[in-house]
């Protein structure tokens, strides 16, 4: 799935009309150098590696405070031990936290990580149709890839170094497209609290959401070409493409107290969950086509925002 979605993103880069050729080639070079860590590094199953890693960690039975001190000293010592070592951005220990229901793009390492903890539930199940998986974890995969090219990720090159690899005219066009996202999301009102999203704060995540679901969609289309069409879910009349979108929407189902929503609107770089779905889908020509949304309807506005 990562490969299919990554290929879809590269296709988007190849076909962008607003990007000049020199910047396009640098973008493709960065994209192709993204490192993927999926589920867990194989070293976690190597007992000798684990024993070596935890060598020196001592526990004292029955004394919680001393346990905590031992663990803190061990962790600090482990960090100091590698202080003068040559940096290895593919070190398995960087990707060893696997019991986490989250995913991550690291700008300095130019890497995407999908721990074992998130490869379950609404995100992924190897026994269900792939249109559900591409709508679920596929959305997240595309989201993390796109972070390498959002308002912050764009400032780093394929080696993870701060570097302006953008031609000036193309960068100006990127900022114009990002401004469209900022203004669009800044006009979304959260009805539970009557407050608007801070589009400038959330722009990176919003860009990643919009690009990510599109890449997952076309990644699934590539998968179909290799594996054929899948059967529908029994008892439902939705097409596989529609079920992709429904699965993507299901990822961000949630409910929050008004007090938490107010707090998140001030500090969270992510838009509230409903807008992580409605925003990308109302900007998606593919969604409007698959659900036959009339032009000018709430989910198919005439003016759409699109970066990637």
C-alpha atoms as a PDB file:
ATOM      1  CA  UNK A   1       0.000   0.000   0.000  1.00  0.00           C
ATOM      2  CA  UNK A   2       2.832   2.412   0.833  1.00  0.00           C
ATOM      3  CA  UNK A   3       4.391   1.757  -2.562  1.00  0.00           C
ATOM      4  CA  UNK A   4       1.123   2.251  -4.467  1.00  0.00           C
ATOM      5  CA  UNK A   5       0.354   5.501  -2.657  1.00  0.00           C
ATOM      6  CA  UNK A   6       3.924   6.736  -2.988  1.00  0.00           C
ATOM      7  CA  UNK A   7       3.737   6.096  -6.738  1.00  0.00           C
ATOM      8  CA  UNK A   8       0.478   8.056  -6.872  1.00  0.00           C
ATOM      9  CA  UNK A   9       2.174  11.015  -5.191  1.00  0.00           C
ATOM     10  CA  UNK A  10       5.045  10.863  -7.694  1.00  0.00           C
ATOM     11  CA  UNK A  11       2.476  10.866 -10.508  1.00  0.00           C
ATOM     12  CA  UNK A  12       0.994  14.040  -9.033  1.00  0.00           C
ATOM     13  CA  UNK A  13       4.450  15.638  -8.991  1.00  0.00           C
ATOM     14  CA  UNK A  14       4.976  14.682 -12.634  1.00  0.00           C
ATOM     15  CA  UNK A  15       1.709  16.334 -13.672  1.00  0.00           C
ATOM     16  CA  UNK A  16       1.674  19.551 -11.632  1.00  0.00           C
ATOM     17  CA  UNK A  17       1.186  22.486 -13.976  1.00  0.00           C
ATOM     18  CA  UNK A  18       2.300  25.112 -11.462  1.00  0.00           C
ATOM     19  CA  UNK A  19       5.707  23.546 -10.726  1.00  0.00           C
ATOM     20  CA  UNK A  20       8.734  24.343 -12.878  1.00  0.00           C
ATOM     21  CA  UNK A  21      10.899  21.474 -14.128  1.00  0.00           C
ATOM     22  CA  UNK A  22      13.947  22.150 -11.946  1.00  0.00           C
ATOM     23  CA  UNK A  23      11.863  22.184  -8.744  1.00  0.00           C
ATOM     24  CA  UNK A  24       9.923  19.137  -9.948  1.00  0.00           C
ATOM     25  CA  UNK A  25      13.097  17.087 -10.309  1.00  0.00           C
ATOM     26  CA  UNK A  26      14.255  18.067  -6.817  1.00  0.00           C
ATOM     27  CA  UNK A  27      10.831  17.202  -5.423  1.00  0.00           C
ATOM     28  CA  UNK A  28      10.908  13.797  -7.112  1.00  0.00           C
ATOM     29  CA  UNK A  29      14.410  13.182  -5.766  1.00  0.00           C
ATOM     30  CA  UNK A  30      13.229  13.988  -2.244  1.00  0.00           C
ATOM     31  CA  UNK A  31      10.103  11.872  -2.637  1.00  0.00           C
ATOM     32  CA  UNK A  32      12.059   8.863  -3.871  1.00  0.00           C
ATOM     33  CA  UNK A  33      14.458   9.101  -0.921  1.00  0.00           C
ATOM     34  CA  UNK A  34      11.701   8.910   1.731  1.00  0.00           C
ATOM     35  CA  UNK A  35      12.390   6.004   4.079  1.00  0.00           C
ATOM     36  CA  UNK A  36       9.443   3.861   5.217  1.00  0.00           C
ATOM     37  CA  UNK A  37       9.264   2.113   8.589  1.00  0.00           C
ATOM     38  CA  UNK A  38       6.255  -0.194   8.747  1.00  0.00           C
ATOM     39  CA  UNK A  39       5.013  -2.025  11.885  1.00  0.00           C
ATOM     40  CA  UNK A  40       8.383  -2.658  13.585  1.00  0.00           C
ATOM     41  CA  UNK A  41      12.096  -2.951  12.805  1.00  0.00           C
ATOM     42  CA  UNK A  42      13.320  -6.574  12.516  1.00  0.00           C
ATOM     43  CA  UNK A  43      15.897  -5.915  15.251  1.00  0.00           C
ATOM     44  CA  UNK A  44      13.080  -6.018  17.818  1.00  0.00           C
ATOM     45  CA  UNK A  45      12.934  -9.785  17.286  1.00  0.00           C
ATOM     46  CA  UNK A  46      16.705 -10.176  17.793  1.00  0.00           C
ATOM     47  CA  UNK A  47      17.249 -11.089  21.465  1.00  0.00           C
ATOM     48  CA  UNK A  48      20.934 -10.177  21.340  1.00  0.00           C
ATOM     49  CA  UNK A  49      20.110  -6.663  20.087  1.00  0.00           C
ATOM     50  CA  UNK A  50      17.523  -6.193  22.829  1.00  0.00           C
ATOM     51  CA  UNK A  51      19.894  -7.458  25.545  1.00  0.00           C
ATOM     52  CA  UNK A  52      22.583  -5.122  24.284  1.00  0.00           C
ATOM     53  CA  UNK A  53      20.172  -2.189  24.258  1.00  0.00           C
ATOM     54  CA  UNK A  54      19.007  -2.760  27.853  1.00  0.00           C
ATOM     55  CA  UNK A  55      22.438  -3.649  29.236  1.00  0.00           C
ATOM     56  CA  UNK A  56      22.963  -1.679  32.424  1.00  0.00           C
ATOM     57  CA  UNK A  57      19.292  -1.179  33.256  1.00  0.00           C
ATOM     58  CA  UNK A  58      18.720  -2.298  36.845  1.00  0.00           C
ATOM     59  CA  UNK A  59      15.446  -2.602  38.759  1.00  0.00           C
ATOM     60  CA  UNK A  60      15.027  -2.679  42.539  1.00  0.00           C
ATOM     61  CA  UNK A  61      12.093  -4.763  43.717  1.00  0.00           C
ATOM     62  CA  UNK A  62       9.418  -2.976  45.733  1.00  0.00           C
ATOM     63  CA  UNK A  63      10.737   0.581  45.425  1.00  0.00           C
ATOM     64  CA  UNK A  64       8.827   2.593  42.794  1.00  0.00           C
ATOM     65  CA  UNK A  65      10.838   5.803  43.207  1.00  0.00           C
ATOM     66  CA  UNK A  66      14.132   3.940  42.820  1.00  0.00           C
ATOM     67  CA  UNK A  67      12.763   2.146  39.746  1.00  0.00           C
ATOM     68  CA  UNK A  68      11.969   5.492  38.181  1.00  0.00           C
ATOM     69  CA  UNK A  69      15.425   6.869  39.043  1.00  0.00           C
ATOM     70  CA  UNK A  70      17.105   3.797  37.526  1.00  0.00           C
ATOM     71  CA  UNK A  71      15.088   4.134  34.323  1.00  0.00           C
ATOM     72  CA  UNK A  72      15.799   7.878  34.063  1.00  0.00           C
ATOM     73  CA  UNK A  73      19.544   7.344  34.588  1.00  0.00           C
ATOM     74  CA  UNK A  74      19.585   4.553  32.007  1.00  0.00           C
ATOM     75  CA  UNK A  75      17.763   6.653  29.425  1.00  0.00           C
ATOM     76  CA  UNK A  76      20.028   9.664  29.977  1.00  0.00           C
ATOM     77  CA  UNK A  77      23.146   7.507  29.820  1.00  0.00           C
ATOM     78  CA  UNK A  78      21.917   5.885  26.581  1.00  0.00           C
ATOM     79  CA  UNK A  79      21.577   9.321  24.983  1.00  0.00           C
ATOM     80  CA  UNK A  80      25.030  10.464  26.128  1.00  0.00           C
ATOM     81  CA  UNK A  81      26.594   7.233  24.833  1.00  0.00           C
ATOM     82  CA  UNK A  82      25.688   8.098  21.243  1.00  0.00           C
ATOM     83  CA  UNK A  83      26.413  11.818  21.544  1.00  0.00           C
ATOM     84  CA  UNK A  84      29.675  11.605  19.558  1.00  0.00           C
ATOM     85  CA  UNK A  85      28.576   8.819  17.227  1.00  0.00           C
ATOM     86  CA  UNK A  86      27.973   9.498  13.557  1.00  0.00           C
ATOM     87  CA  UNK A  87      24.265  10.118  13.015  1.00  0.00           C
ATOM     88  CA  UNK A  88      22.466   7.136  11.504  1.00  0.00           C
ATOM     89  CA  UNK A  89      19.011   8.222  10.356  1.00  0.00           C
ATOM     90  CA  UNK A  90      18.028   4.609   9.753  1.00  0.00           C
ATOM     91  CA  UNK A  91      18.995   3.371  13.238  1.00  0.00           C
ATOM     92  CA  UNK A  92      16.400   0.790  14.282  1.00  0.00           C
ATOM     93  CA  UNK A  93      16.136   2.343  17.747  1.00  0.00           C
ATOM     94  CA  UNK A  94      14.584   5.470  16.212  1.00  0.00           C
ATOM     95  CA  UNK A  95      11.712   3.338  14.906  1.00  0.00           C
ATOM     96  CA  UNK A  96      11.392   1.021  17.905  1.00  0.00           C
ATOM     97  CA  UNK A  97       8.281   2.528  19.531  1.00  0.00           C
ATOM     98  CA  UNK A  98       5.720   0.266  17.896  1.00  0.00           C
ATOM     99  CA  UNK A  99       2.827   0.034  20.405  1.00  0.00           C
ATOM    100  CA  UNK A 100       1.561   3.435  19.280  1.00  0.00           C
ATOM    101  CA  UNK A 101      -1.730   4.243  17.532  1.00  0.00           C
ATOM    102  CA  UNK A 102      -0.261   7.034  15.465  1.00  0.00           C
ATOM    103  CA  UNK A 103       1.862   7.689  12.381  1.00  0.00           C
ATOM    104  CA  UNK A 104       4.628  10.169  11.748  1.00  0.00           C
ATOM    105  CA  UNK A 105       6.730  12.001   9.178  1.00  0.00           C
ATOM    106  CA  UNK A 106      10.158  13.146  10.360  1.00  0.00           C
ATOM    107  CA  UNK A 107      11.524  16.104   8.405  1.00  0.00           C
ATOM    108  CA  UNK A 108      15.115  15.642   9.586  1.00  0.00           C
ATOM    109  CA  UNK A 109      15.164  11.916   8.746  1.00  0.00           C
ATOM    110  CA  UNK A 110      12.874  12.281   5.703  1.00  0.00           C
ATOM    111  CA  UNK A 111      11.092   9.169   6.904  1.00  0.00           C
ATOM    112  CA  UNK A 112       7.518   7.982   7.354  1.00  0.00           C
ATOM    113  CA  UNK A 113       6.607   5.637  10.184  1.00  0.00           C
ATOM    114  CA  UNK A 114       3.531   3.461  10.684  1.00  0.00           C
ATOM    115  CA  UNK A 115       3.866   1.577  13.995  1.00  0.00           C
ATOM    116  CA  UNK A 116       2.175  -1.771  14.552  1.00  0.00           C
ATOM    117  CA  UNK A 117      -0.253  -0.113  16.964  1.00  0.00           C
ATOM    118  CA  UNK A 118      -2.105   1.745  14.205  1.00  0.00           C
ATOM    119  CA  UNK A 119      -2.369  -1.236  11.833  1.00  0.00           C
ATOM    120  CA  UNK A 120      -5.708  -2.370  13.255  1.00  0.00           C
ATOM    121  CA  UNK A 121      -9.304  -1.252  13.843  1.00  0.00           C
ATOM    122  CA  UNK A 122     -10.757   1.246  11.383  1.00  0.00           C
ATOM    123  CA  UNK A 123      -7.317   1.784   9.860  1.00  0.00           C
ATOM    124  CA  UNK A 124      -6.311  -1.646   8.597  1.00  0.00           C
ATOM    125  CA  UNK A 125      -7.372  -5.282   8.489  1.00  0.00           C
ATOM    126  CA  UNK A 126      -5.768  -7.716   6.056  1.00  0.00           C
ATOM    127  CA  UNK A 127      -9.025  -9.698   5.810  1.00  0.00           C
ATOM    128  CA  UNK A 128     -11.271  -6.915   4.544  1.00  0.00           C
ATOM    129  CA  UNK A 129     -11.589  -5.278   1.090  1.00  0.00           C
ATOM    130  CA  UNK A 130      -8.716  -3.061   0.090  1.00  0.00           C
ATOM    131  CA  UNK A 131     -10.971  -0.095  -0.668  1.00  0.00           C
ATOM    132  CA  UNK A 132     -11.560   0.050   3.077  1.00  0.00           C
ATOM    133  CA  UNK A 133      -7.861  -0.232   3.868  1.00  0.00           C
ATOM    134  CA  UNK A 134      -6.871   2.414   1.333  1.00  0.00           C
ATOM    135  CA  UNK A 135      -9.568   4.705   2.726  1.00  0.00           C
ATOM    136  CA  UNK A 136      -8.338   3.978   6.268  1.00  0.00           C
ATOM    137  CA  UNK A 137      -4.594   3.546   6.736  1.00  0.00           C
ATOM    138  CA  UNK A 138      -4.065   4.591   3.110  1.00  0.00           C
ATOM    139  CA  UNK A 139      -5.389   8.052   3.953  1.00  0.00           C
ATOM    140  CA  UNK A 140      -2.831   8.207   6.789  1.00  0.00           C
ATOM    141  CA  UNK A 141      -0.011   6.961   4.544  1.00  0.00           C
ATOM    142  CA  UNK A 142      -0.737   9.662   1.976  1.00  0.00           C
ATOM    143  CA  UNK A 143      -1.031  12.236   4.756  1.00  0.00           C
ATOM    144  CA  UNK A 144       2.457  11.440   6.093  1.00  0.00           C
ATOM    145  CA  UNK A 145       4.051  11.441   2.619  1.00  0.00           C
ATOM    146  CA  UNK A 146       2.515  14.852   1.935  1.00  0.00           C
ATOM    147  CA  UNK A 147       3.983  16.243   5.162  1.00  0.00           C
ATOM    148  CA  UNK A 148       7.327  16.166   3.387  1.00  0.00           C
ATOM    149  CA  UNK A 149       5.924  18.822   1.065  1.00  0.00           C
ATOM    150  CA  UNK A 150       3.718  20.950   3.310  1.00  0.00           C
ATOM    151  CA  UNK A 151       4.572  24.470   4.505  1.00  0.00           C
ATOM    152  CA  UNK A 152       7.252  23.110   6.886  1.00  0.00           C
ATOM    153  CA  UNK A 153       8.352  19.933   5.106  1.00  0.00           C
ATOM    154  CA  UNK A 154       9.091  21.930   1.943  1.00  0.00           C
ATOM    155  CA  UNK A 155      11.914  23.685   3.792  1.00  0.00           C
ATOM    156  CA  UNK A 156      13.949  20.452   4.044  1.00  0.00           C
ATOM    157  CA  UNK A 157      15.623  18.480   1.277  1.00  0.00           C
ATOM    158  CA  UNK A 158      15.839  14.721   0.777  1.00  0.00           C
ATOM    159  CA  UNK A 159      18.744  14.458   3.244  1.00  0.00           C
ATOM    160  CA  UNK A 160      16.738  16.182   5.956  1.00  0.00           C
ATOM    161  CA  UNK A 161      18.821  19.352   5.738  1.00  0.00           C
ATOM    162  CA  UNK A 162      17.344  22.840   5.810  1.00  0.00           C
ATOM    163  CA  UNK A 163      17.599  23.857   2.179  1.00  0.00           C
ATOM    164  CA  UNK A 164      15.561  26.067  -0.123  1.00  0.00           C
ATOM    165  CA  UNK A 165      15.283  23.820  -3.177  1.00  0.00           C
ATOM    166  CA  UNK A 166      12.387  25.814  -4.678  1.00  0.00           C
ATOM    167  CA  UNK A 167      12.643  28.134  -7.645  1.00  0.00           C
ATOM    168  CA  UNK A 168      11.240  31.521  -6.647  1.00  0.00           C
ATOM    169  CA  UNK A 169       8.251  31.588  -9.007  1.00  0.00           C
ATOM    170  CA  UNK A 170       7.177  28.069  -8.025  1.00  0.00           C
ATOM    171  CA  UNK A 171       7.501  28.880  -4.337  1.00  0.00           C
ATOM    172  CA  UNK A 172       5.253  31.910  -4.809  1.00  0.00           C
ATOM    173  CA  UNK A 173       2.659  29.673  -6.494  1.00  0.00           C
ATOM    174  CA  UNK A 174       2.889  27.183  -3.614  1.00  0.00           C
ATOM    175  CA  UNK A 175       2.293  29.966  -1.080  1.00  0.00           C
ATOM    176  CA  UNK A 176      -0.737  31.159  -3.063  1.00  0.00           C
ATOM    177  CA  UNK A 177      -2.226  27.677  -3.015  1.00  0.00           C
ATOM    178  CA  UNK A 178      -1.453  27.306   0.695  1.00  0.00           C
ATOM    179  CA  UNK A 179      -3.159  30.650   1.309  1.00  0.00           C
ATOM    180  CA  UNK A 180      -6.310  29.260  -0.290  1.00  0.00           C
ATOM    181  CA  UNK A 181      -6.282  26.417   2.260  1.00  0.00           C
ATOM    182  CA  UNK A 182      -5.593  28.850   5.122  1.00  0.00           C
ATOM    183  CA  UNK A 183      -8.510  31.092   4.180  1.00  0.00           C
ATOM    184  CA  UNK A 184     -10.884  28.222   3.435  1.00  0.00           C
ATOM    185  CA  UNK A 185     -10.308  26.478   6.763  1.00  0.00           C
ATOM    186  CA  UNK A 186     -10.221  29.817   8.563  1.00  0.00           C
ATOM    187  CA  UNK A 187     -13.843  30.302   7.470  1.00  0.00           C
ATOM    188  CA  UNK A 188     -14.982  26.947   8.885  1.00  0.00           C
ATOM    189  CA  UNK A 189     -17.001  27.459  12.068  1.00  0.00           C
ATOM    190  CA  UNK A 190     -17.106  24.745  14.722  1.00  0.00           C
ATOM    191  CA  UNK A 191     -20.837  24.731  15.570  1.00  0.00           C
ATOM    192  CA  UNK A 192     -20.470  23.282  19.077  1.00  0.00           C
ATOM    193  CA  UNK A 193     -18.494  26.312  20.262  1.00  0.00           C
ATOM    194  CA  UNK A 194     -19.220  28.962  17.618  1.00  0.00           C
ATOM    195  CA  UNK A 195     -15.528  29.558  16.891  1.00  0.00           C
ATOM    196  CA  UNK A 196     -13.574  29.440  13.641  1.00  0.00           C
ATOM    197  CA  UNK A 197     -10.537  27.314  12.878  1.00  0.00           C
ATOM    198  CA  UNK A 198      -7.170  29.083  12.889  1.00  0.00           C
ATOM    199  CA  UNK A 199      -6.269  28.242   9.288  1.00  0.00           C
ATOM    200  CA  UNK A 200      -2.726  29.503   9.629  1.00  0.00           C
ATOM    201  CA  UNK A 201      -2.097  27.208  12.626  1.00  0.00           C
ATOM    202  CA  UNK A 202      -3.570  24.127  10.915  1.00  0.00           C
ATOM    203  CA  UNK A 203      -2.336  24.678   7.352  1.00  0.00           C
ATOM    204  CA  UNK A 204       0.333  21.941   7.417  1.00  0.00           C
ATOM    205  CA  UNK A 205      -2.084  19.253   8.581  1.00  0.00           C
ATOM    206  CA  UNK A 206      -4.808  20.529   6.242  1.00  0.00           C
ATOM    207  CA  UNK A 207      -2.440  20.385   3.255  1.00  0.00           C
ATOM    208  CA  UNK A 208      -1.460  16.849   4.287  1.00  0.00           C
ATOM    209  CA  UNK A 209      -5.110  15.769   4.669  1.00  0.00           C
ATOM    210  CA  UNK A 210      -6.086  17.136   1.261  1.00  0.00           C
ATOM    211  CA  UNK A 211      -3.112  15.616  -0.528  1.00  0.00           C
ATOM    212  CA  UNK A 212      -3.133  12.396   1.479  1.00  0.00           C
ATOM    213  CA  UNK A 213      -6.665  11.274   0.664  1.00  0.00           C
ATOM    214  CA  UNK A 214      -6.131  12.056  -3.016  1.00  0.00           C
ATOM    215  CA  UNK A 215      -2.939   9.977  -3.105  1.00  0.00           C
ATOM    216  CA  UNK A 216      -4.681   7.095  -1.319  1.00  0.00           C
ATOM    217  CA  UNK A 217      -7.535   7.253  -3.837  1.00  0.00           C
ATOM    218  CA  UNK A 218      -5.241   7.010  -6.842  1.00  0.00           C
ATOM    219  CA  UNK A 219      -3.060   4.478  -5.042  1.00  0.00           C
ATOM    220  CA  UNK A 220      -6.143   2.267  -4.809  1.00  0.00           C
ATOM    221  CA  UNK A 221      -6.841   2.776  -8.524  1.00  0.00           C
ATOM    222  CA  UNK A 222      -3.307   1.527  -9.199  1.00  0.00           C
ATOM    223  CA  UNK A 223      -3.928  -1.472  -6.919  1.00  0.00           C
ATOM    224  CA  UNK A 224      -7.091  -2.318  -8.890  1.00  0.00           C
ATOM    225  CA  UNK A 225      -5.142  -2.385 -12.150  1.00  0.00           C
ATOM    226  CA  UNK A 226      -2.877  -5.072 -10.694  1.00  0.00           C
ATOM    227  CA  UNK A 227      -5.445  -7.067  -8.701  1.00  0.00           C
ATOM    228  CA  UNK A 228      -8.818  -6.427 -10.341  1.00  0.00           C
ATOM    229  CA  UNK A 229     -12.088  -5.006  -9.076  1.00  0.00           C
ATOM    230  CA  UNK A 230     -13.292  -6.087  -5.632  1.00  0.00           C
ATOM    231  CA  UNK A 231     -16.809  -7.228  -4.666  1.00  0.00           C
ATOM    232  CA  UNK A 232     -19.210  -4.898  -2.879  1.00  0.00           C
ATOM    233  CA  UNK A 233     -20.059  -5.196   0.792  1.00  0.00           C
ATOM    234  CA  UNK A 234     -23.176  -7.372   1.217  1.00  0.00           C
ATOM    235  CA  UNK A 235     -26.398  -5.500   1.823  1.00  0.00           C
ATOM    236  CA  UNK A 236     -25.005  -2.135   0.669  1.00  0.00           C
ATOM    237  CA  UNK A 237     -25.433  -0.461  -2.697  1.00  0.00           C
ATOM    238  CA  UNK A 238     -22.281   1.661  -2.529  1.00  0.00           C
ATOM    239  CA  UNK A 239     -19.582   1.290  -5.189  1.00  0.00           C
ATOM    240  CA  UNK A 240     -15.970   0.449  -4.200  1.00  0.00           C
ATOM    241  CA  UNK A 241     -14.997   4.088  -4.841  1.00  0.00           C
ATOM    242  CA  UNK A 242     -17.796   5.332  -2.594  1.00  0.00           C
ATOM    243  CA  UNK A 243     -16.789   2.819   0.086  1.00  0.00           C
ATOM    244  CA  UNK A 244     -13.245   4.201  -0.100  1.00  0.00           C
ATOM    245  CA  UNK A 245     -14.558   7.652   0.816  1.00  0.00           C
ATOM    246  CA  UNK A 246     -16.839   6.284   3.534  1.00  0.00           C
ATOM    247  CA  UNK A 247     -13.893   4.425   5.065  1.00  0.00           C
ATOM    248  CA  UNK A 248     -11.821   7.618   4.942  1.00  0.00           C
ATOM    249  CA  UNK A 249     -14.604   9.442   6.770  1.00  0.00           C
ATOM    250  CA  UNK A 250     -14.838   6.667   9.350  1.00  0.00           C
ATOM    251  CA  UNK A 251     -11.195   7.217  10.342  1.00  0.00           C
ATOM    252  CA  UNK A 252     -11.954  10.522  12.048  1.00  0.00           C
ATOM    253  CA  UNK A 253     -15.248   9.702  13.744  1.00  0.00           C
ATOM    254  CA  UNK A 254     -15.115  11.144  17.245  1.00  0.00           C
ATOM    255  CA  UNK A 255     -16.843  13.214  19.900  1.00  0.00           C
ATOM    256  CA  UNK A 256     -15.335  15.907  22.112  1.00  0.00           C
ATOM    257  CA  UNK A 257     -16.590  18.071  24.946  1.00  0.00           C
ATOM    258  CA  UNK A 258     -16.990  21.776  24.053  1.00  0.00           C
ATOM    259  CA  UNK A 259     -14.261  22.677  26.559  1.00  0.00           C
ATOM    260  CA  UNK A 260     -11.765  20.437  24.798  1.00  0.00           C
ATOM    261  CA  UNK A 261     -12.775  21.748  21.374  1.00  0.00           C
ATOM    262  CA  UNK A 262     -12.097  25.324  22.513  1.00  0.00           C
ATOM    263  CA  UNK A 263      -8.675  24.320  23.823  1.00  0.00           C
ATOM    264  CA  UNK A 264      -7.748  22.406  20.660  1.00  0.00           C
ATOM    265  CA  UNK A 265      -8.778  25.307  18.429  1.00  0.00           C
ATOM    266  CA  UNK A 266      -6.153  27.388  20.230  1.00  0.00           C
ATOM    267  CA  UNK A 267      -3.249  24.938  20.355  1.00  0.00           C
ATOM    268  CA  UNK A 268      -3.784  21.958  18.016  1.00  0.00           C
ATOM    269  CA  UNK A 269      -2.181  22.011  14.558  1.00  0.00           C
ATOM    270  CA  UNK A 270      -4.933  19.626  13.383  1.00  0.00           C
ATOM    271  CA  UNK A 271      -8.376  20.839  12.393  1.00  0.00           C
ATOM    272  CA  UNK A 272     -11.341  19.386  14.341  1.00  0.00           C
ATOM    273  CA  UNK A 273     -12.216  15.913  13.093  1.00  0.00           C
ATOM    274  CA  UNK A 274     -15.301  16.766  11.020  1.00  0.00           C
ATOM    275  CA  UNK A 275     -13.265  19.256   8.996  1.00  0.00           C
ATOM    276  CA  UNK A 276     -10.464  16.748   8.434  1.00  0.00           C
ATOM    277  CA  UNK A 277     -13.090  14.949   6.343  1.00  0.00           C
ATOM    278  CA  UNK A 278     -15.405  17.640   4.994  1.00  0.00           C
ATOM    279  CA  UNK A 279     -12.520  19.921   4.012  1.00  0.00           C
ATOM    280  CA  UNK A 280     -10.555  17.478   1.822  1.00  0.00           C
ATOM    281  CA  UNK A 281     -13.716  15.943   0.351  1.00  0.00           C
ATOM    282  CA  UNK A 282     -15.323  19.236  -0.645  1.00  0.00           C
ATOM    283  CA  UNK A 283     -12.020  20.082  -2.366  1.00  0.00           C
ATOM    284  CA  UNK A 284     -11.953  16.724  -4.153  1.00  0.00           C
ATOM    285  CA  UNK A 285     -13.202  16.504  -7.710  1.00  0.00           C
ATOM    286  CA  UNK A 286     -13.006  12.713  -7.361  1.00  0.00           C
ATOM    287  CA  UNK A 287     -15.342  12.668  -4.335  1.00  0.00           C
ATOM    288  CA  UNK A 288     -17.883  14.905  -6.099  1.00  0.00           C
ATOM    289  CA  UNK A 289     -17.783  12.696  -9.175  1.00  0.00           C
ATOM    290  CA  UNK A 290     -18.182   9.436  -7.239  1.00  0.00           C
ATOM    291  CA  UNK A 291     -21.184  10.751  -5.282  1.00  0.00           C
ATOM    292  CA  UNK A 292     -22.660  12.895  -8.085  1.00  0.00           C
ATOM    293  CA  UNK A 293     -22.638  16.054  -5.985  1.00  0.00           C
ATOM    294  CA  UNK A 294     -24.120  18.997  -7.946  1.00  0.00           C
ATOM    295  CA  UNK A 295     -21.782  21.913  -8.568  1.00  0.00           C
ATOM    296  CA  UNK A 296     -22.426  24.555  -5.917  1.00  0.00           C
ATOM    297  CA  UNK A 297     -23.703  22.072  -3.328  1.00  0.00           C
ATOM    298  CA  UNK A 298     -22.062  22.082   0.142  1.00  0.00           C
ATOM    299  CA  UNK A 299     -19.739  19.174  -0.688  1.00  0.00           C
ATOM    300  CA  UNK A 300     -18.954  20.391  -4.199  1.00  0.00           C
ATOM    301  CA  UNK A 301     -18.310  24.143  -4.063  1.00  0.00           C
ATOM    302  CA  UNK A 302     -17.445  25.834  -7.317  1.00  0.00           C
ATOM    303  CA  UNK A 303     -14.185  27.215  -5.867  1.00  0.00           C
ATOM    304  CA  UNK A 304     -11.912  24.501  -4.523  1.00  0.00           C
ATOM    305  CA  UNK A 305      -8.491  24.653  -2.864  1.00  0.00           C
ATOM    306  CA  UNK A 306      -5.718  22.298  -3.938  1.00  0.00           C
ATOM    307  CA  UNK A 307      -1.976  22.232  -3.280  1.00  0.00           C
ATOM    308  CA  UNK A 308      -1.035  18.672  -4.220  1.00  0.00           C
END
